Amino acid sequence: MDILCCPVCKGELTLTVENENEKEILEGGLHCSACGVTYPIHDGIPNLLPPARQTK
């Protein structure tokens, strides 16, 4: 988490965990309080693409 920042505004990201195992976070999100963007984490992979480029 120390090296991650918001790709839109370079703000600090806050982690929200919905599901995890012993080794990793499986589901959750990374939220930037500076610009309000939330980046989803699915199957242990964070999607840090800017909002206009994210696909569902």
PDB file of N, CA and C in Angstrom:
ATOM      1  N   MET A   1       0.819  -1.210   0.000  1.00  0.00           N
ATOM      2  CA  MET A   1       0.000   0.000   0.000  1.00  0.00           C
ATOM      3  C   MET A   1       0.855   1.263   0.000  1.00  0.00           C
ATOM      4  N   ASP A   2       2.048   1.189   0.523  1.00  0.00           N
ATOM      5  CA  ASP A   2       2.887   2.387   0.608  1.00  0.00           C
ATOM      6  C   ASP A   2       3.287   2.936  -0.757  1.00  0.00           C
ATOM      7  N   ILE A   3       3.360   2.080  -1.771  1.00  0.00           N
ATOM      8  CA  ILE A   3       3.805   2.545  -3.084  1.00  0.00           C
ATOM      9  C   ILE A   3       2.652   2.849  -4.028  1.00  0.00           C
ATOM     10  N   LEU A   4       1.423   2.509  -3.639  1.00  0.00           N
ATOM     11  CA  LEU A   4       0.267   2.762  -4.504  1.00  0.00           C
ATOM     12  C   LEU A   4      -0.260   4.179  -4.324  1.00  0.00           C
ATOM     13  N   CYS A   5      -0.681   4.780  -5.428  1.00  0.00           N
ATOM     14  CA  CYS A   5      -1.343   6.077  -5.384  1.00  0.00           C
ATOM     15  C   CYS A   5      -2.402   6.111  -6.477  1.00  0.00           C
ATOM     16  N   CYS A   6      -3.293   7.060  -6.394  1.00  0.00           N
ATOM     17  CA  CYS A   6      -4.352   7.215  -7.384  1.00  0.00           C
ATOM     18  C   CYS A   6      -3.742   7.569  -8.731  1.00  0.00           C
ATOM     19  N   PRO A   7      -4.054   6.797  -9.792  1.00  0.00           N
ATOM     20  CA  PRO A   7      -3.503   7.122 -11.099  1.00  0.00           C
ATOM     21  C   PRO A   7      -4.101   8.389 -11.720  1.00  0.00           C
ATOM     22  N   VAL A   8      -5.219   8.872 -11.184  1.00  0.00           N
ATOM     23  CA  VAL A   8      -5.853  10.080 -11.715  1.00  0.00           C
ATOM     24  C   VAL A   8      -5.210  11.334 -11.130  1.00  0.00           C
ATOM     25  N   CYS A   9      -5.110  11.383  -9.782  1.00  0.00           N
ATOM     26  CA  CYS A   9      -4.635  12.622  -9.146  1.00  0.00           C
ATOM     27  C   CYS A   9      -3.403  12.427  -8.262  1.00  0.00           C
ATOM     28  N   LYS A  10      -2.925  11.188  -8.155  1.00  0.00           N
ATOM     29  CA  LYS A  10      -1.763  10.820  -7.318  1.00  0.00           C
ATOM     30  C   LYS A  10      -2.051  10.927  -5.826  1.00  0.00           C
ATOM     31  N   GLY A  11      -3.348  10.955  -5.446  1.00  0.00           N
ATOM     32  CA  GLY A  11      -3.739  11.002  -4.040  1.00  0.00           C
ATOM     33  C   GLY A  11      -3.541   9.670  -3.343  1.00  0.00           C
ATOM     34  N   GLU A  12      -3.656   9.693  -2.032  1.00  0.00           N
ATOM     35  CA  GLU A  12      -3.504   8.495  -1.210  1.00  0.00           C
ATOM     36  C   GLU A  12      -4.744   7.605  -1.333  1.00  0.00           C
ATOM     37  N   LEU A  13      -4.532   6.298  -1.405  1.00  0.00           N
ATOM     38  CA  LEU A  13      -5.626   5.342  -1.526  1.00  0.00           C
ATOM     39  C   LEU A  13      -5.910   4.675  -0.183  1.00  0.00           C
ATOM     40  N   THR A  14      -7.195   4.467   0.098  1.00  0.00           N
ATOM     41  CA  THR A  14      -7.635   3.776   1.299  1.00  0.00           C
ATOM     42  C   THR A  14      -8.206   2.427   0.900  1.00  0.00           C
ATOM     43  N   LEU A  15      -7.758   1.375   1.570  1.00  0.00           N
ATOM     44  CA  LEU A  15      -8.159   0.017   1.252  1.00  0.00           C
ATOM     45  C   LEU A  15      -9.419  -0.381   2.003  1.00  0.00           C
ATOM     46  N   THR A  16     -10.364  -0.988   1.294  1.00  0.00           N
ATOM     47  CA  THR A  16     -11.548  -1.598   1.891  1.00  0.00           C
ATOM     48  C   THR A  16     -11.525  -3.070   1.526  1.00  0.00           C
ATOM     49  N   VAL A  17     -11.595  -3.944   2.529  1.00  0.00           N
ATOM     50  CA  VAL A  17     -11.525  -5.382   2.307  1.00  0.00           C
ATOM     51  C   VAL A  17     -12.904  -5.992   2.481  1.00  0.00           C
ATOM     52  N   GLU A  18     -13.358  -6.725   1.459  1.00  0.00           N
ATOM     53  CA  GLU A  18     -14.635  -7.435   1.533  1.00  0.00           C
ATOM     54  C   GLU A  18     -14.424  -8.929   1.735  1.00  0.00           C
ATOM     55  N   ASN A  19     -13.326  -9.467   1.161  1.00  0.00           N
ATOM     56  CA  ASN A  19     -13.033 -10.887   1.273  1.00  0.00           C
ATOM     57  C   ASN A  19     -11.530 -11.075   1.148  1.00  0.00           C
ATOM     58  N   GLU A  20     -10.950 -11.897   2.043  1.00  0.00           N
ATOM     59  CA  GLU A  20      -9.519 -12.154   1.990  1.00  0.00           C
ATOM     60  C   GLU A  20      -9.223 -13.564   2.466  1.00  0.00           C
ATOM     61  N   ASN A  21      -8.044 -14.066   2.119  1.00  0.00           N
ATOM     62  CA  ASN A  21      -7.588 -15.332   2.666  1.00  0.00           C
ATOM     63  C   ASN A  21      -6.315 -15.060   3.451  1.00  0.00           C
ATOM     64  N   GLU A  22      -5.549 -16.099   3.758  1.00  0.00           N
ATOM     65  CA  GLU A  22      -4.341 -15.919   4.582  1.00  0.00           C
ATOM     66  C   GLU A  22      -3.266 -15.101   3.878  1.00  0.00           C
ATOM     67  N   LYS A  23      -3.283 -15.099   2.543  1.00  0.00           N
ATOM     68  CA  LYS A  23      -2.194 -14.487   1.788  1.00  0.00           C
ATOM     69  C   LYS A  23      -2.537 -13.176   1.094  1.00  0.00           C
ATOM     70  N   GLU A  24      -3.804 -12.991   0.708  1.00  0.00           N
ATOM     71  CA  GLU A  24      -4.116 -11.820  -0.111  1.00  0.00           C
ATOM     72  C   GLU A  24      -5.559 -11.353   0.058  1.00  0.00           C
ATOM     73  N   ILE A  25      -5.811 -10.162  -0.420  1.00  0.00           N
ATOM     74  CA  ILE A  25      -7.156  -9.601  -0.459  1.00  0.00           C
ATOM     75  C   ILE A  25      -7.793 -10.049  -1.762  1.00  0.00           C
ATOM     76  N   LEU A  26      -8.922 -10.713  -1.680  1.00  0.00           N
ATOM     77  CA  LEU A  26      -9.575 -11.246  -2.864  1.00  0.00           C
ATOM     78  C   LEU A  26     -10.584 -10.277  -3.467  1.00  0.00           C
ATOM     79  N   GLU A  27     -11.346  -9.603  -2.628  1.00  0.00           N
ATOM     80  CA  GLU A  27     -12.371  -8.666  -3.082  1.00  0.00           C
ATOM     81  C   GLU A  27     -12.313  -7.422  -2.211  1.00  0.00           C
ATOM     82  N   GLY A  28     -12.556  -6.273  -2.810  1.00  0.00           N
ATOM     83  CA  GLY A  28     -12.553  -5.032  -2.051  1.00  0.00           C
ATOM     84  C   GLY A  28     -12.401  -3.844  -2.983  1.00  0.00           C
ATOM     85  N   GLY A  29     -11.791  -2.798  -2.459  1.00  0.00           N
ATOM     86  CA  GLY A  29     -11.619  -1.609  -3.266  1.00  0.00           C
ATOM     87  C   GLY A  29     -10.542  -0.703  -2.713  1.00  0.00           C
ATOM     88  N   LEU A  30     -10.048   0.159  -3.565  1.00  0.00           N
ATOM     89  CA  LEU A  30      -9.095   1.201  -3.203  1.00  0.00           C
ATOM     90  C   LEU A  30      -9.761   2.527  -3.524  1.00  0.00           C
ATOM     91  N   HIS A  31      -9.944   3.372  -2.508  1.00  0.00           N
ATOM     92  CA  HIS A  31     -10.664   4.627  -2.684  1.00  0.00           C
ATOM     93  C   HIS A  31      -9.734   5.813  -2.492  1.00  0.00           C
ATOM     94  N   CYS A  32      -9.821   6.772  -3.416  1.00  0.00           N
ATOM     95  CA  CYS A  32      -9.063   8.016  -3.307  1.00  0.00           C
ATOM     96  C   CYS A  32      -9.987   9.093  -2.741  1.00  0.00           C
ATOM     97  N   SER A  33      -9.668   9.571  -1.560  1.00  0.00           N
ATOM     98  CA  SER A  33     -10.504  10.611  -0.951  1.00  0.00           C
ATOM     99  C   SER A  33     -10.274  11.969  -1.612  1.00  0.00           C
ATOM    100  N   ALA A  34      -9.148  12.141  -2.302  1.00  0.00           N
ATOM    101  CA  ALA A  34      -8.855  13.423  -2.955  1.00  0.00           C
ATOM    102  C   ALA A  34      -9.762  13.675  -4.157  1.00  0.00           C
ATOM    103  N   CYS A  35      -9.952  12.654  -5.013  1.00  0.00           N
ATOM    104  CA  CYS A  35     -10.772  12.862  -6.212  1.00  0.00           C
ATOM    105  C   CYS A  35     -12.057  12.023  -6.210  1.00  0.00           C
ATOM    106  N   GLY A  36     -12.212  11.134  -5.220  1.00  0.00           N
ATOM    107  CA  GLY A  36     -13.447  10.380  -5.061  1.00  0.00           C
ATOM    108  C   GLY A  36     -13.581   9.124  -5.908  1.00  0.00           C
ATOM    109  N   VAL A  37     -12.532   8.720  -6.601  1.00  0.00           N
ATOM    110  CA  VAL A  37     -12.591   7.529  -7.445  1.00  0.00           C
ATOM    111  C   VAL A  37     -12.329   6.287  -6.599  1.00  0.00           C
ATOM    112  N   THR A  38     -13.085   5.211  -6.850  1.00  0.00           N
ATOM    113  CA  THR A  38     -12.856   3.928  -6.203  1.00  0.00           C
ATOM    114  C   THR A  38     -12.450   2.913  -7.260  1.00  0.00           C
ATOM    115  N   TYR A  39     -11.369   2.210  -6.988  1.00  0.00           N
ATOM    116  CA  TYR A  39     -10.848   1.185  -7.885  1.00  0.00           C
ATOM    117  C   TYR A  39     -11.162  -0.181  -7.291  1.00  0.00           C
ATOM    118  N   PRO A  40     -11.852  -1.045  -8.029  1.00  0.00           N
ATOM    119  CA  PRO A  40     -12.251  -2.338  -7.488  1.00  0.00           C
ATOM    120  C   PRO A  40     -11.096  -3.339  -7.447  1.00  0.00           C
ATOM    121  N   ILE A  41     -11.198  -4.278  -6.494  1.00  0.00           N
ATOM    122  CA  ILE A  41     -10.300  -5.418  -6.427  1.00  0.00           C
ATOM    123  C   ILE A  41     -11.178  -6.655  -6.602  1.00  0.00           C
ATOM    124  N   HIS A  42     -10.914  -7.452  -7.640  1.00  0.00           N
ATOM    125  CA  HIS A  42     -11.661  -8.686  -7.908  1.00  0.00           C
ATOM    126  C   HIS A  42     -10.667  -9.823  -8.110  1.00  0.00           C
ATOM    127  N   ASP A  43     -10.923 -10.935  -7.457  1.00  0.00           N
ATOM    128  CA  ASP A  43     -10.047 -12.114  -7.570  1.00  0.00           C
ATOM    129  C   ASP A  43      -8.594 -11.777  -7.252  1.00  0.00           C
ATOM    130  N   GLY A  44      -8.382 -10.860  -6.314  1.00  0.00           N
ATOM    131  CA  GLY A  44      -7.039 -10.503  -5.878  1.00  0.00           C
ATOM    132  C   GLY A  44      -6.311  -9.520  -6.767  1.00  0.00           C
ATOM    133  N   ILE A  45      -6.985  -9.014  -7.806  1.00  0.00           N
ATOM    134  CA  ILE A  45      -6.335  -8.107  -8.755  1.00  0.00           C
ATOM    135  C   ILE A  45      -6.984  -6.725  -8.707  1.00  0.00           C
ATOM    136  N   PRO A  46      -6.230  -5.686  -8.337  1.00  0.00           N
ATOM    137  CA  PRO A  46      -6.793  -4.336  -8.356  1.00  0.00           C
ATOM    138  C   PRO A  46      -6.860  -3.788  -9.783  1.00  0.00           C
ATOM    139  N   ASN A  47      -7.961  -3.148 -10.120  1.00  0.00           N
ATOM    140  CA  ASN A  47      -8.129  -2.517 -11.429  1.00  0.00           C
ATOM    141  C   ASN A  47      -7.857  -1.026 -11.242  1.00  0.00           C
ATOM    142  N   LEU A  48      -6.651  -0.612 -11.574  1.00  0.00           N
ATOM    143  CA  LEU A  48      -6.244   0.780 -11.374  1.00  0.00           C
ATOM    144  C   LEU A  48      -6.336   1.616 -12.642  1.00  0.00           C
ATOM    145  N   LEU A  49      -7.140   1.165 -13.603  1.00  0.00           N
ATOM    146  CA  LEU A  49      -7.372   1.988 -14.784  1.00  0.00           C
ATOM    147  C   LEU A  49      -8.242   3.176 -14.405  1.00  0.00           C
ATOM    148  N   PRO A  50      -8.004   4.344 -14.989  1.00  0.00           N
ATOM    149  CA  PRO A  50      -8.864   5.501 -14.729  1.00  0.00           C
ATOM    150  C   PRO A  50     -10.328   5.147 -15.071  1.00  0.00           C
ATOM    151  N   PRO A  51     -11.294   5.757 -14.390  1.00  0.00           N
ATOM    152  CA  PRO A  51     -12.711   5.382 -14.528  1.00  0.00           C
ATOM    153  C   PRO A  51     -13.218   5.309 -15.958  1.00  0.00           C
ATOM    154  N   ALA A  52     -12.820   6.182 -16.849  1.00  0.00           N
ATOM    155  CA  ALA A  52     -13.316   6.158 -18.223  1.00  0.00           C
ATOM    156  C   ALA A  52     -12.814   4.927 -18.979  1.00  0.00           C
ATOM    157  N   ARG A  53     -11.781   4.272 -18.490  1.00  0.00           N
ATOM    158  CA  ARG A  53     -11.190   3.133 -19.187  1.00  0.00           C
ATOM    159  C   ARG A  53     -11.533   1.806 -18.527  1.00  0.00           C
ATOM    160  N   GLN A  54     -12.232   1.815 -17.389  1.00  0.00           N
ATOM    161  CA  GLN A  54     -12.572   0.569 -16.704  1.00  0.00           C
ATOM    162  C   GLN A  54     -13.684  -0.139 -17.449  1.00  0.00           C
ATOM    163  N   THR A  55     -13.603  -1.458 -17.471  1.00  0.00           N
ATOM    164  CA  THR A  55     -14.660  -2.273 -18.051  1.00  0.00           C
ATOM    165  C   THR A  55     -15.183  -3.216 -16.993  1.00  0.00           C
ATOM    166  N   LYS A  56     -16.438  -3.597 -17.123  1.00  0.00           N
ATOM    167  CA  LYS A  56     -17.048  -4.482 -16.126  1.00  0.00           C
ATOM    168  C   LYS A  56     -16.951  -5.924 -16.525  1.00  0.00           C
TER     169      LYS A  56
END
